[in-house]
Amino acid sequence: MSNTPPPEAPRASSRGRRGGRKKAGKAPSLFGQLLPWLGLASLVIICDQATKFQIQRSLQPGDRIVLIQDWFDLTLVFNPGAAFSFLANASGWQRWFFIGIGALATSYLLWLLIRHSGQRLFSTGLSLILGGAIGNVIDRVWQGQVVDFLLAHWREVFFWPAFNVADSAITVGAMILILDEIRRVSRTR
C-alpha cells in the first residue's frame, strides 16, 4: 500500500451536458428598451409632418373646408407663437426661444424614457409628447412658425384655436400621464 492519496475524481462540467445550467438571458440593451417608444414618437412625427405638408399643398392661408357642419373644419393657419398664440406678435425672438424650449423638453423626455422605459403607460404618454414636441420644433426650424390646420368650433360663435397632429399627440400624451398618475396614487392607497 502506498501512502499517496487517491486521485480526485474529475468534476462534472456543466458545459455540453443536457440539463446543465441554462444561459442567463441577456438584458435588452438601452436602445432595445427605447425602440418601441422612439418608434411611437417617430410615428407621431411622420404623421404630423405628412399632414402639414398635404394641407399646405391643398389650402391657402385662411381657406376652410367643412368636415362636420358647425363643429369641425380644415384650415391653414401659421402660428409663430406657442399654444393659444402666446407670444405670436413678438418681434421674432420667440422662434429661437421656443426652439430652445423644445430642445430642452426633448432632452428631458428622452431622459425620462431611459429611466422608465419599462413602465408602459407612462412611456406611451412620454412618447406621444416627445413626438409632438419634435414635430412642432421641425416647423419652427424650417418655417419659423407652426403649421396648424384643425379647427374645432361651435357654429360661428366659439372657436378653439387651430391645432395640428403634434398638438393632439401632446394633449393625448398629457392625458395619459395624468391617468397613469391617478392609477399610481390609487394603487398606493
N, C-alpha and C. Protein backbone atom coordinates (compact mmCIF):
# COMPACT_ATOMS: atom_id res chain seq x y z
N MET A 1 0.82 -1.18 0.00
CA MET A 1 0.00 0.00 0.00
C MET A 1 0.85 1.23 0.00
N SER A 2 0.37 2.16 -0.73
CA SER A 2 1.12 3.40 -0.83
C SER A 2 0.48 4.45 0.06
N ASN A 3 1.28 5.38 0.46
CA ASN A 3 0.81 6.48 1.30
C ASN A 3 0.27 7.66 0.50
N THR A 4 0.21 7.53 -0.77
CA THR A 4 -0.29 8.65 -1.58
C THR A 4 -1.81 8.63 -1.60
N PRO A 5 -2.40 9.81 -1.52
CA PRO A 5 -3.86 9.87 -1.53
C PRO A 5 -4.39 9.48 -2.91
N PRO A 6 -5.61 8.95 -2.95
CA PRO A 6 -6.18 8.58 -4.25
C PRO A 6 -6.45 9.85 -5.08
N PRO A 7 -6.34 9.75 -6.39
CA PRO A 7 -6.58 10.94 -7.21
C PRO A 7 -8.04 11.38 -7.08
N GLU A 8 -8.22 12.70 -7.19
CA GLU A 8 -9.58 13.23 -7.10
C GLU A 8 -10.35 12.85 -8.34
N ALA A 9 -11.62 12.59 -8.12
CA ALA A 9 -12.49 12.29 -9.26
C ALA A 9 -12.70 13.56 -10.05
N PRO A 10 -12.70 13.45 -11.37
CA PRO A 10 -12.92 14.67 -12.16
C PRO A 10 -14.29 15.26 -11.88
N ARG A 11 -14.32 16.61 -11.83
CA ARG A 11 -15.59 17.29 -11.60
C ARG A 11 -16.41 17.29 -12.88
N ALA A 12 -17.69 17.14 -12.69
CA ALA A 12 -18.59 17.16 -13.85
C ALA A 12 -18.71 18.59 -14.35
N SER A 13 -18.61 18.75 -15.61
CA SER A 13 -18.74 20.06 -16.23
C SER A 13 -20.17 20.26 -16.69
N SER A 14 -20.63 21.47 -16.52
CA SER A 14 -21.99 21.74 -16.97
C SER A 14 -22.03 22.07 -18.46
N ARG A 15 -20.85 22.25 -19.05
CA ARG A 15 -20.82 22.55 -20.48
C ARG A 15 -21.12 21.29 -21.27
N GLY A 16 -21.95 21.44 -22.25
CA GLY A 16 -22.22 20.34 -23.15
C GLY A 16 -23.17 19.30 -22.62
N ARG A 17 -23.55 19.38 -21.36
CA ARG A 17 -24.48 18.41 -20.82
C ARG A 17 -25.89 18.91 -20.95
N ARG A 18 -26.77 18.01 -21.26
CA ARG A 18 -28.18 18.38 -21.25
C ARG A 18 -28.62 18.48 -19.81
N GLY A 19 -29.50 19.46 -19.57
CA GLY A 19 -29.98 19.64 -18.21
C GLY A 19 -29.01 20.42 -17.36
N GLY A 20 -27.91 20.88 -17.95
CA GLY A 20 -26.95 21.69 -17.22
C GLY A 20 -27.51 23.08 -16.98
N ARG A 21 -26.65 23.98 -16.58
CA ARG A 21 -27.08 25.35 -16.33
C ARG A 21 -27.56 26.01 -17.61
N LYS A 22 -28.62 26.76 -17.47
CA LYS A 22 -29.14 27.49 -18.63
C LYS A 22 -28.38 28.79 -18.75
N LYS A 23 -28.23 29.23 -19.97
CA LYS A 23 -27.61 30.52 -20.19
C LYS A 23 -28.53 31.61 -19.66
N ALA A 24 -27.93 32.53 -18.97
CA ALA A 24 -28.72 33.65 -18.46
C ALA A 24 -29.18 34.48 -19.65
N GLY A 25 -30.46 34.86 -19.64
CA GLY A 25 -30.99 35.68 -20.72
C GLY A 25 -30.33 37.04 -20.71
N LYS A 26 -30.03 37.53 -21.88
CA LYS A 26 -29.41 38.84 -21.96
C LYS A 26 -30.46 39.91 -21.68
N ALA A 27 -30.07 40.86 -20.89
CA ALA A 27 -30.96 42.01 -20.66
C ALA A 27 -30.96 42.84 -21.93
N PRO A 28 -32.13 43.35 -22.31
CA PRO A 28 -32.16 44.15 -23.52
C PRO A 28 -31.28 45.39 -23.38
N SER A 29 -30.67 45.79 -24.47
CA SER A 29 -29.82 46.98 -24.46
C SER A 29 -30.69 48.21 -24.25
N LEU A 30 -30.03 49.29 -23.95
CA LEU A 30 -30.75 50.55 -23.75
C LEU A 30 -31.53 50.90 -25.01
N PHE A 31 -30.90 50.73 -26.18
CA PHE A 31 -31.59 51.02 -27.43
C PHE A 31 -32.78 50.09 -27.60
N GLY A 32 -32.63 48.82 -27.26
CA GLY A 32 -33.73 47.86 -27.37
C GLY A 32 -34.89 48.22 -26.47
N GLN A 33 -34.58 48.75 -25.29
CA GLN A 33 -35.64 49.18 -24.37
C GLN A 33 -36.36 50.42 -24.89
N LEU A 34 -35.63 51.29 -25.56
CA LEU A 34 -36.21 52.55 -26.04
C LEU A 34 -36.87 52.42 -27.40
N LEU A 35 -36.55 51.37 -28.13
CA LEU A 35 -37.02 51.24 -29.51
C LEU A 35 -38.53 51.41 -29.68
N PRO A 36 -39.36 50.73 -28.88
CA PRO A 36 -40.81 50.92 -29.08
C PRO A 36 -41.25 52.37 -28.83
N TRP A 37 -40.64 53.01 -27.86
CA TRP A 37 -41.05 54.37 -27.51
C TRP A 37 -40.55 55.36 -28.55
N LEU A 38 -39.34 55.16 -29.04
CA LEU A 38 -38.84 56.03 -30.11
C LEU A 38 -39.61 55.78 -31.40
N GLY A 39 -40.04 54.54 -31.61
CA GLY A 39 -40.87 54.23 -32.78
C GLY A 39 -42.20 54.95 -32.73
N LEU A 40 -42.83 54.97 -31.55
CA LEU A 40 -44.10 55.69 -31.40
C LEU A 40 -43.91 57.19 -31.63
N ALA A 41 -42.86 57.75 -31.05
CA ALA A 41 -42.58 59.17 -31.25
C ALA A 41 -42.33 59.46 -32.73
N SER A 42 -41.60 58.58 -33.40
CA SER A 42 -41.33 58.76 -34.83
C SER A 42 -42.60 58.70 -35.65
N LEU A 43 -43.50 57.81 -35.28
CA LEU A 43 -44.79 57.71 -35.99
C LEU A 43 -45.58 59.01 -35.86
N VAL A 44 -45.57 59.60 -34.69
CA VAL A 44 -46.24 60.89 -34.49
C VAL A 44 -45.61 61.95 -35.38
N ILE A 45 -44.28 62.00 -35.41
CA ILE A 45 -43.57 63.00 -36.22
C ILE A 45 -43.92 62.83 -37.70
N ILE A 46 -43.90 61.59 -38.17
CA ILE A 46 -44.19 61.33 -39.59
C ILE A 46 -45.62 61.73 -39.93
N CYS A 47 -46.57 61.33 -39.09
CA CYS A 47 -47.98 61.70 -39.34
C CYS A 47 -48.16 63.22 -39.30
N ASP A 48 -47.53 63.86 -38.33
CA ASP A 48 -47.64 65.30 -38.19
C ASP A 48 -47.09 66.01 -39.42
N GLN A 49 -45.88 65.67 -39.82
CA GLN A 49 -45.25 66.36 -40.95
C GLN A 49 -45.95 66.05 -42.27
N ALA A 50 -46.42 64.81 -42.44
CA ALA A 50 -47.12 64.45 -43.68
C ALA A 50 -48.43 65.21 -43.81
N THR A 51 -49.18 65.33 -42.71
CA THR A 51 -50.46 66.05 -42.79
C THR A 51 -50.22 67.55 -43.02
N LYS A 52 -49.21 68.10 -42.40
CA LYS A 52 -48.90 69.53 -42.60
C LYS A 52 -48.47 69.78 -44.05
N PHE A 53 -47.68 68.89 -44.60
CA PHE A 53 -47.25 69.01 -45.99
C PHE A 53 -48.46 68.99 -46.92
N GLN A 54 -49.36 68.04 -46.69
CA GLN A 54 -50.53 67.91 -47.56
C GLN A 54 -51.46 69.12 -47.45
N ILE A 55 -51.67 69.60 -46.25
CA ILE A 55 -52.53 70.77 -46.05
C ILE A 55 -51.94 71.99 -46.74
N GLN A 56 -50.63 72.18 -46.64
CA GLN A 56 -50.00 73.33 -47.29
C GLN A 56 -50.07 73.24 -48.81
N ARG A 57 -50.10 72.03 -49.34
CA ARG A 57 -50.25 71.84 -50.78
C ARG A 57 -51.68 72.08 -51.24
N SER A 58 -52.64 71.84 -50.33
CA SER A 58 -54.06 71.86 -50.70
C SER A 58 -54.78 73.17 -50.41
N LEU A 59 -54.33 73.92 -49.41
CA LEU A 59 -55.06 75.11 -48.98
C LEU A 59 -54.18 76.35 -49.00
N GLN A 60 -54.81 77.48 -49.13
CA GLN A 60 -54.16 78.76 -48.94
C GLN A 60 -54.45 79.21 -47.51
N PRO A 61 -53.59 80.04 -46.92
CA PRO A 61 -53.85 80.50 -45.55
C PRO A 61 -55.25 81.10 -45.42
N GLY A 62 -55.97 80.64 -44.42
CA GLY A 62 -57.32 81.14 -44.16
C GLY A 62 -58.43 80.36 -44.84
N ASP A 63 -58.12 79.55 -45.86
CA ASP A 63 -59.14 78.71 -46.50
C ASP A 63 -59.72 77.75 -45.46
N ARG A 64 -60.99 77.40 -45.66
CA ARG A 64 -61.63 76.44 -44.76
C ARG A 64 -62.40 75.40 -45.55
N ILE A 65 -62.27 74.16 -45.13
CA ILE A 65 -63.05 73.05 -45.69
C ILE A 65 -63.86 72.46 -44.54
N VAL A 66 -65.17 72.47 -44.68
CA VAL A 66 -66.05 71.96 -43.63
C VAL A 66 -65.97 70.44 -43.61
N LEU A 67 -65.66 69.89 -42.45
CA LEU A 67 -65.67 68.44 -42.26
C LEU A 67 -66.94 68.00 -41.54
N ILE A 68 -67.29 68.72 -40.48
CA ILE A 68 -68.53 68.47 -39.74
C ILE A 68 -69.20 69.84 -39.56
N GLN A 69 -70.31 70.02 -40.22
CA GLN A 69 -71.00 71.31 -40.21
C GLN A 69 -71.17 71.85 -38.80
N ASP A 70 -70.78 73.10 -38.59
CA ASP A 70 -70.90 73.81 -37.32
C ASP A 70 -69.98 73.29 -36.23
N TRP A 71 -69.08 72.34 -36.53
CA TRP A 71 -68.24 71.76 -35.49
C TRP A 71 -66.76 71.68 -35.83
N PHE A 72 -66.43 71.29 -37.06
CA PHE A 72 -65.03 70.96 -37.33
C PHE A 72 -64.67 71.25 -38.79
N ASP A 73 -63.59 72.00 -38.99
CA ASP A 73 -63.13 72.36 -40.33
C ASP A 73 -61.63 72.09 -40.46
N LEU A 74 -61.20 71.99 -41.70
CA LEU A 74 -59.78 72.07 -42.02
C LEU A 74 -59.50 73.50 -42.43
N THR A 75 -58.39 74.04 -42.01
CA THR A 75 -57.98 75.38 -42.39
C THR A 75 -56.47 75.41 -42.40
N LEU A 76 -55.90 76.45 -42.91
CA LEU A 76 -54.44 76.60 -42.87
C LEU A 76 -54.11 77.90 -42.15
N VAL A 77 -53.43 77.75 -41.01
CA VAL A 77 -53.06 78.88 -40.17
C VAL A 77 -51.60 78.70 -39.77
N PHE A 78 -50.85 79.77 -39.75
CA PHE A 78 -49.46 79.73 -39.29
C PHE A 78 -49.38 80.44 -37.95
N ASN A 79 -48.76 79.78 -36.97
CA ASN A 79 -48.68 80.33 -35.62
C ASN A 79 -47.21 80.50 -35.23
N PRO A 80 -46.71 81.73 -35.19
CA PRO A 80 -45.33 81.94 -34.76
C PRO A 80 -45.17 81.88 -33.24
N GLY A 81 -46.28 81.81 -32.52
CA GLY A 81 -46.24 81.76 -31.06
C GLY A 81 -46.36 80.34 -30.55
N ALA A 82 -46.79 80.24 -29.31
CA ALA A 82 -46.98 78.94 -28.68
C ALA A 82 -48.48 78.66 -28.61
N ALA A 83 -48.87 77.78 -27.71
CA ALA A 83 -50.28 77.43 -27.56
C ALA A 83 -51.12 78.69 -27.36
N PHE A 84 -52.29 78.69 -27.98
CA PHE A 84 -53.22 79.82 -27.91
C PHE A 84 -52.57 81.11 -28.42
N SER A 85 -51.62 80.97 -29.34
CA SER A 85 -50.91 82.10 -29.97
C SER A 85 -50.13 82.95 -28.98
N PHE A 86 -49.72 82.36 -27.87
CA PHE A 86 -48.92 83.06 -26.88
C PHE A 86 -47.63 83.55 -27.53
N LEU A 87 -47.33 84.81 -27.42
CA LEU A 87 -46.16 85.50 -27.99
C LEU A 87 -46.14 85.52 -29.52
N ALA A 88 -47.28 85.31 -30.14
CA ALA A 88 -47.33 85.30 -31.61
C ALA A 88 -46.96 86.66 -32.20
N ASN A 89 -47.21 87.73 -31.48
CA ASN A 89 -46.94 89.07 -32.00
C ASN A 89 -45.59 89.62 -31.58
N ALA A 90 -44.74 88.78 -31.00
CA ALA A 90 -43.40 89.23 -30.62
C ALA A 90 -42.59 89.49 -31.89
N SER A 91 -41.42 90.07 -31.74
CA SER A 91 -40.66 90.56 -32.89
C SER A 91 -39.84 89.49 -33.62
N GLY A 92 -39.95 88.24 -33.26
CA GLY A 92 -39.21 87.18 -33.94
C GLY A 92 -38.30 86.38 -33.03
N TRP A 93 -37.95 86.95 -31.89
CA TRP A 93 -37.08 86.25 -30.96
C TRP A 93 -37.73 84.99 -30.43
N GLN A 94 -39.08 84.94 -30.41
CA GLN A 94 -39.81 83.82 -29.84
C GLN A 94 -39.53 82.52 -30.60
N ARG A 95 -39.19 82.63 -31.89
CA ARG A 95 -38.87 81.43 -32.67
C ARG A 95 -37.75 80.65 -32.00
N TRP A 96 -36.64 81.35 -31.70
CA TRP A 96 -35.47 80.68 -31.11
C TRP A 96 -35.74 80.29 -29.67
N PHE A 97 -36.52 81.08 -28.98
CA PHE A 97 -36.91 80.77 -27.61
C PHE A 97 -37.68 79.44 -27.57
N PHE A 98 -38.67 79.29 -28.48
CA PHE A 98 -39.47 78.06 -28.49
C PHE A 98 -38.68 76.87 -29.03
N ILE A 99 -37.73 77.10 -29.93
CA ILE A 99 -36.85 76.01 -30.38
C ILE A 99 -36.01 75.53 -29.20
N GLY A 100 -35.49 76.48 -28.41
CA GLY A 100 -34.70 76.12 -27.23
C GLY A 100 -35.51 75.35 -26.21
N ILE A 101 -36.73 75.80 -25.96
CA ILE A 101 -37.60 75.08 -25.03
C ILE A 101 -37.89 73.68 -25.56
N GLY A 102 -38.14 73.57 -26.86
CA GLY A 102 -38.38 72.26 -27.47
C GLY A 102 -37.19 71.33 -27.34
N ALA A 103 -35.98 71.88 -27.52
CA ALA A 103 -34.77 71.06 -27.38
C ALA A 103 -34.59 70.58 -25.93
N LEU A 104 -34.82 71.48 -24.99
CA LEU A 104 -34.73 71.09 -23.57
C LEU A 104 -35.79 70.05 -23.21
N ALA A 105 -37.01 70.26 -23.69
CA ALA A 105 -38.09 69.31 -23.42
C ALA A 105 -37.77 67.95 -24.02
N THR A 106 -37.22 67.94 -25.23
CA THR A 106 -36.85 66.68 -25.87
C THR A 106 -35.81 65.94 -25.06
N SER A 107 -34.79 66.65 -24.59
CA SER A 107 -33.74 66.04 -23.76
C SER A 107 -34.33 65.46 -22.48
N TYR A 108 -35.18 66.21 -21.83
CA TYR A 108 -35.79 65.76 -20.58
C TYR A 108 -36.68 64.54 -20.81
N LEU A 109 -37.47 64.57 -21.88
CA LEU A 109 -38.35 63.43 -22.18
C LEU A 109 -37.54 62.18 -22.50
N LEU A 110 -36.45 62.32 -23.23
CA LEU A 110 -35.58 61.17 -23.52
C LEU A 110 -34.98 60.61 -22.23
N TRP A 111 -34.55 61.50 -21.34
CA TRP A 111 -34.01 61.07 -20.06
C TRP A 111 -35.06 60.28 -19.26
N LEU A 112 -36.29 60.81 -19.24
CA LEU A 112 -37.37 60.10 -18.54
C LEU A 112 -37.65 58.74 -19.18
N LEU A 113 -37.62 58.67 -20.51
CA LEU A 113 -37.84 57.39 -21.19
C LEU A 113 -36.74 56.39 -20.86
N ILE A 114 -35.52 56.84 -20.78
CA ILE A 114 -34.41 55.96 -20.41
C ILE A 114 -34.63 55.40 -19.02
N ARG A 115 -35.04 56.24 -18.10
CA ARG A 115 -35.23 55.82 -16.70
C ARG A 115 -36.46 54.97 -16.48
N HIS A 116 -37.50 55.15 -17.32
CA HIS A 116 -38.78 54.49 -17.06
C HIS A 116 -39.29 53.69 -18.26
N SER A 117 -38.40 53.19 -19.09
CA SER A 117 -38.83 52.53 -20.33
C SER A 117 -39.68 51.28 -20.06
N GLY A 118 -39.60 50.71 -18.88
CA GLY A 118 -40.38 49.53 -18.56
C GLY A 118 -41.82 49.84 -18.12
N GLN A 119 -42.12 51.10 -17.92
CA GLN A 119 -43.47 51.49 -17.50
C GLN A 119 -44.27 51.86 -18.74
N ARG A 120 -45.11 50.97 -19.16
CA ARG A 120 -45.78 51.10 -20.45
C ARG A 120 -46.65 52.35 -20.60
N LEU A 121 -47.55 52.55 -19.68
CA LEU A 121 -48.48 53.68 -19.81
C LEU A 121 -47.73 55.00 -19.73
N PHE A 122 -46.85 55.11 -18.77
CA PHE A 122 -46.05 56.33 -18.59
C PHE A 122 -45.22 56.60 -19.84
N SER A 123 -44.55 55.59 -20.35
CA SER A 123 -43.70 55.76 -21.53
C SER A 123 -44.51 56.05 -22.79
N THR A 124 -45.73 55.52 -22.87
CA THR A 124 -46.60 55.84 -24.01
C THR A 124 -46.92 57.33 -24.00
N GLY A 125 -47.30 57.85 -22.85
CA GLY A 125 -47.58 59.29 -22.73
C GLY A 125 -46.36 60.13 -23.07
N LEU A 126 -45.20 59.75 -22.54
CA LEU A 126 -43.97 60.49 -22.83
C LEU A 126 -43.65 60.47 -24.32
N SER A 127 -43.84 59.33 -24.97
CA SER A 127 -43.52 59.19 -26.39
C SER A 127 -44.42 60.06 -27.25
N LEU A 128 -45.70 60.13 -26.91
CA LEU A 128 -46.62 60.99 -27.66
C LEU A 128 -46.22 62.45 -27.51
N ILE A 129 -45.88 62.86 -26.30
CA ILE A 129 -45.46 64.24 -26.07
C ILE A 129 -44.15 64.52 -26.80
N LEU A 130 -43.22 63.57 -26.76
CA LEU A 130 -41.94 63.72 -27.44
C LEU A 130 -42.13 63.90 -28.95
N GLY A 131 -42.93 63.04 -29.56
CA GLY A 131 -43.18 63.15 -31.00
C GLY A 131 -43.84 64.48 -31.37
N GLY A 132 -44.80 64.90 -30.55
CA GLY A 132 -45.47 66.18 -30.80
C GLY A 132 -44.53 67.36 -30.66
N ALA A 133 -43.72 67.33 -29.63
CA ALA A 133 -42.77 68.44 -29.42
C ALA A 133 -41.79 68.54 -30.58
N ILE A 134 -41.26 67.40 -31.02
CA ILE A 134 -40.31 67.42 -32.13
C ILE A 134 -41.01 67.86 -33.42
N GLY A 135 -42.24 67.41 -33.64
CA GLY A 135 -42.98 67.83 -34.83
C GLY A 135 -43.13 69.33 -34.92
N ASN A 136 -43.45 69.97 -33.81
CA ASN A 136 -43.61 71.43 -33.82
C ASN A 136 -42.26 72.15 -33.90
N VAL A 137 -41.20 71.57 -33.31
CA VAL A 137 -39.88 72.18 -33.42
C VAL A 137 -39.40 72.14 -34.88
N ILE A 138 -39.70 71.06 -35.58
CA ILE A 138 -39.33 70.98 -37.00
C ILE A 138 -39.95 72.14 -37.76
N ASP A 139 -41.22 72.43 -37.50
CA ASP A 139 -41.87 73.58 -38.15
C ASP A 139 -41.14 74.88 -37.84
N ARG A 140 -40.81 75.08 -36.58
CA ARG A 140 -40.15 76.33 -36.18
C ARG A 140 -38.78 76.47 -36.83
N VAL A 141 -38.05 75.36 -36.93
CA VAL A 141 -36.72 75.42 -37.54
C VAL A 141 -36.84 75.74 -39.03
N TRP A 142 -37.72 75.05 -39.76
CA TRP A 142 -37.80 75.20 -41.21
C TRP A 142 -38.66 76.36 -41.68
N GLN A 143 -39.72 76.68 -40.92
CA GLN A 143 -40.64 77.71 -41.39
C GLN A 143 -40.72 78.93 -40.48
N GLY A 144 -40.16 78.83 -39.28
CA GLY A 144 -40.23 79.95 -38.35
C GLY A 144 -41.55 80.05 -37.63
N GLN A 145 -42.45 79.12 -37.87
CA GLN A 145 -43.77 79.11 -37.25
C GLN A 145 -44.36 77.71 -37.36
N VAL A 146 -45.38 77.47 -36.59
CA VAL A 146 -46.03 76.16 -36.57
C VAL A 146 -47.23 76.17 -37.52
N VAL A 147 -47.37 75.10 -38.28
CA VAL A 147 -48.49 74.94 -39.19
C VAL A 147 -49.64 74.29 -38.43
N ASP A 148 -50.76 74.99 -38.35
CA ASP A 148 -51.97 74.46 -37.72
C ASP A 148 -53.05 74.32 -38.79
N PHE A 149 -53.92 73.31 -38.63
CA PHE A 149 -54.93 73.11 -39.68
C PHE A 149 -56.23 72.50 -39.20
N LEU A 150 -56.34 72.12 -37.97
CA LEU A 150 -57.57 71.54 -37.44
C LEU A 150 -58.30 72.63 -36.64
N LEU A 151 -59.54 72.87 -36.99
CA LEU A 151 -60.29 73.96 -36.36
C LEU A 151 -61.60 73.42 -35.78
N ALA A 152 -61.67 73.36 -34.47
CA ALA A 152 -62.89 72.97 -33.77
C ALA A 152 -63.65 74.24 -33.39
N HIS A 153 -64.95 74.21 -33.61
CA HIS A 153 -65.75 75.40 -33.31
C HIS A 153 -67.21 74.99 -33.09
N TRP A 154 -67.94 75.90 -32.50
CA TRP A 154 -69.39 75.72 -32.36
C TRP A 154 -70.04 76.82 -33.18
N ARG A 155 -70.66 76.37 -34.28
CA ARG A 155 -71.23 77.30 -35.26
C ARG A 155 -70.18 78.33 -35.59
N GLU A 156 -70.53 79.55 -35.64
CA GLU A 156 -69.54 80.62 -35.87
C GLU A 156 -69.43 81.48 -34.62
N VAL A 157 -69.77 80.88 -33.46
CA VAL A 157 -69.80 81.62 -32.21
C VAL A 157 -68.53 81.41 -31.39
N PHE A 158 -68.15 80.15 -31.20
CA PHE A 158 -66.99 79.83 -30.37
C PHE A 158 -65.99 79.05 -31.20
N PHE A 159 -64.74 79.51 -31.19
CA PHE A 159 -63.67 78.84 -31.92
C PHE A 159 -62.56 78.43 -30.96
N TRP A 160 -62.19 77.18 -31.01
CA TRP A 160 -60.98 76.72 -30.31
C TRP A 160 -59.82 77.07 -31.22
N PRO A 161 -58.68 77.50 -30.69
CA PRO A 161 -57.55 77.83 -31.57
C PRO A 161 -57.17 76.63 -32.45
N ALA A 162 -56.81 76.91 -33.70
CA ALA A 162 -56.42 75.85 -34.63
C ALA A 162 -55.24 75.07 -34.06
N PHE A 163 -55.20 73.78 -34.37
CA PHE A 163 -54.14 72.90 -33.87
C PHE A 163 -53.75 71.92 -34.95
N ASN A 164 -52.86 70.97 -34.61
CA ASN A 164 -52.34 70.02 -35.59
C ASN A 164 -52.17 68.65 -34.94
N VAL A 165 -51.61 67.71 -35.67
CA VAL A 165 -51.41 66.35 -35.15
C VAL A 165 -50.44 66.36 -33.97
N ALA A 166 -49.39 67.17 -34.05
CA ALA A 166 -48.42 67.24 -32.95
C ALA A 166 -49.10 67.74 -31.67
N ASP A 167 -49.91 68.78 -31.79
CA ASP A 167 -50.63 69.30 -30.63
C ASP A 167 -51.56 68.24 -30.05
N SER A 168 -52.23 67.50 -30.94
CA SER A 168 -53.13 66.43 -30.49
C SER A 168 -52.37 65.35 -29.74
N ALA A 169 -51.20 64.97 -30.25
CA ALA A 169 -50.38 63.94 -29.59
C ALA A 169 -49.92 64.43 -28.22
N ILE A 170 -49.53 65.69 -28.13
CA ILE A 170 -49.11 66.25 -26.83
C ILE A 170 -50.27 66.21 -25.84
N THR A 171 -51.46 66.58 -26.29
CA THR A 171 -52.64 66.59 -25.42
C THR A 171 -52.98 65.17 -24.96
N VAL A 172 -53.02 64.23 -25.88
CA VAL A 172 -53.33 62.83 -25.52
C VAL A 172 -52.23 62.29 -24.60
N GLY A 173 -50.98 62.60 -24.90
CA GLY A 173 -49.89 62.15 -24.03
C GLY A 173 -50.01 62.70 -22.62
N ALA A 174 -50.37 63.97 -22.50
CA ALA A 174 -50.56 64.57 -21.17
C ALA A 174 -51.71 63.90 -20.43
N MET A 175 -52.79 63.59 -21.15
CA MET A 175 -53.92 62.91 -20.52
C MET A 175 -53.51 61.51 -20.04
N ILE A 176 -52.69 60.83 -20.81
CA ILE A 176 -52.20 59.50 -20.41
C ILE A 176 -51.33 59.62 -19.16
N LEU A 177 -50.49 60.63 -19.08
CA LEU A 177 -49.66 60.82 -17.89
C LEU A 177 -50.51 61.09 -16.66
N ILE A 178 -51.57 61.87 -16.83
CA ILE A 178 -52.49 62.13 -15.71
C ILE A 178 -53.16 60.83 -15.28
N LEU A 179 -53.64 60.05 -16.24
CA LEU A 179 -54.25 58.76 -15.93
C LEU A 179 -53.27 57.84 -15.23
N ASP A 180 -52.03 57.80 -15.70
CA ASP A 180 -51.00 56.96 -15.07
C ASP A 180 -50.76 57.39 -13.63
N GLU A 181 -50.72 58.68 -13.39
CA GLU A 181 -50.51 59.18 -12.02
C GLU A 181 -51.69 58.84 -11.12
N ILE A 182 -52.91 58.97 -11.65
CA ILE A 182 -54.10 58.62 -10.86
C ILE A 182 -54.06 57.14 -10.49
N ARG A 183 -53.69 56.29 -11.45
CA ARG A 183 -53.59 54.85 -11.18
C ARG A 183 -52.51 54.56 -10.16
N ARG A 184 -51.37 55.25 -10.26
CA ARG A 184 -50.26 55.03 -9.33
C ARG A 184 -50.67 55.42 -7.92
N VAL A 185 -51.33 56.57 -7.78
CA VAL A 185 -51.76 57.03 -6.46
C VAL A 185 -52.81 56.08 -5.88
N SER A 186 -53.74 55.63 -6.69
CA SER A 186 -54.80 54.74 -6.19
C SER A 186 -54.23 53.38 -5.78
N ARG A 187 -53.15 52.93 -6.42
CA ARG A 187 -52.53 51.65 -6.03
C ARG A 187 -51.81 51.76 -4.69
N THR A 188 -51.30 52.94 -4.36
CA THR A 188 -50.57 53.11 -3.12
C THR A 188 -51.45 53.30 -1.91
N ARG A 189 -52.74 53.49 -2.15
CA ARG A 189 -53.68 53.67 -1.03
C ARG A 189 -54.13 52.36 -0.48
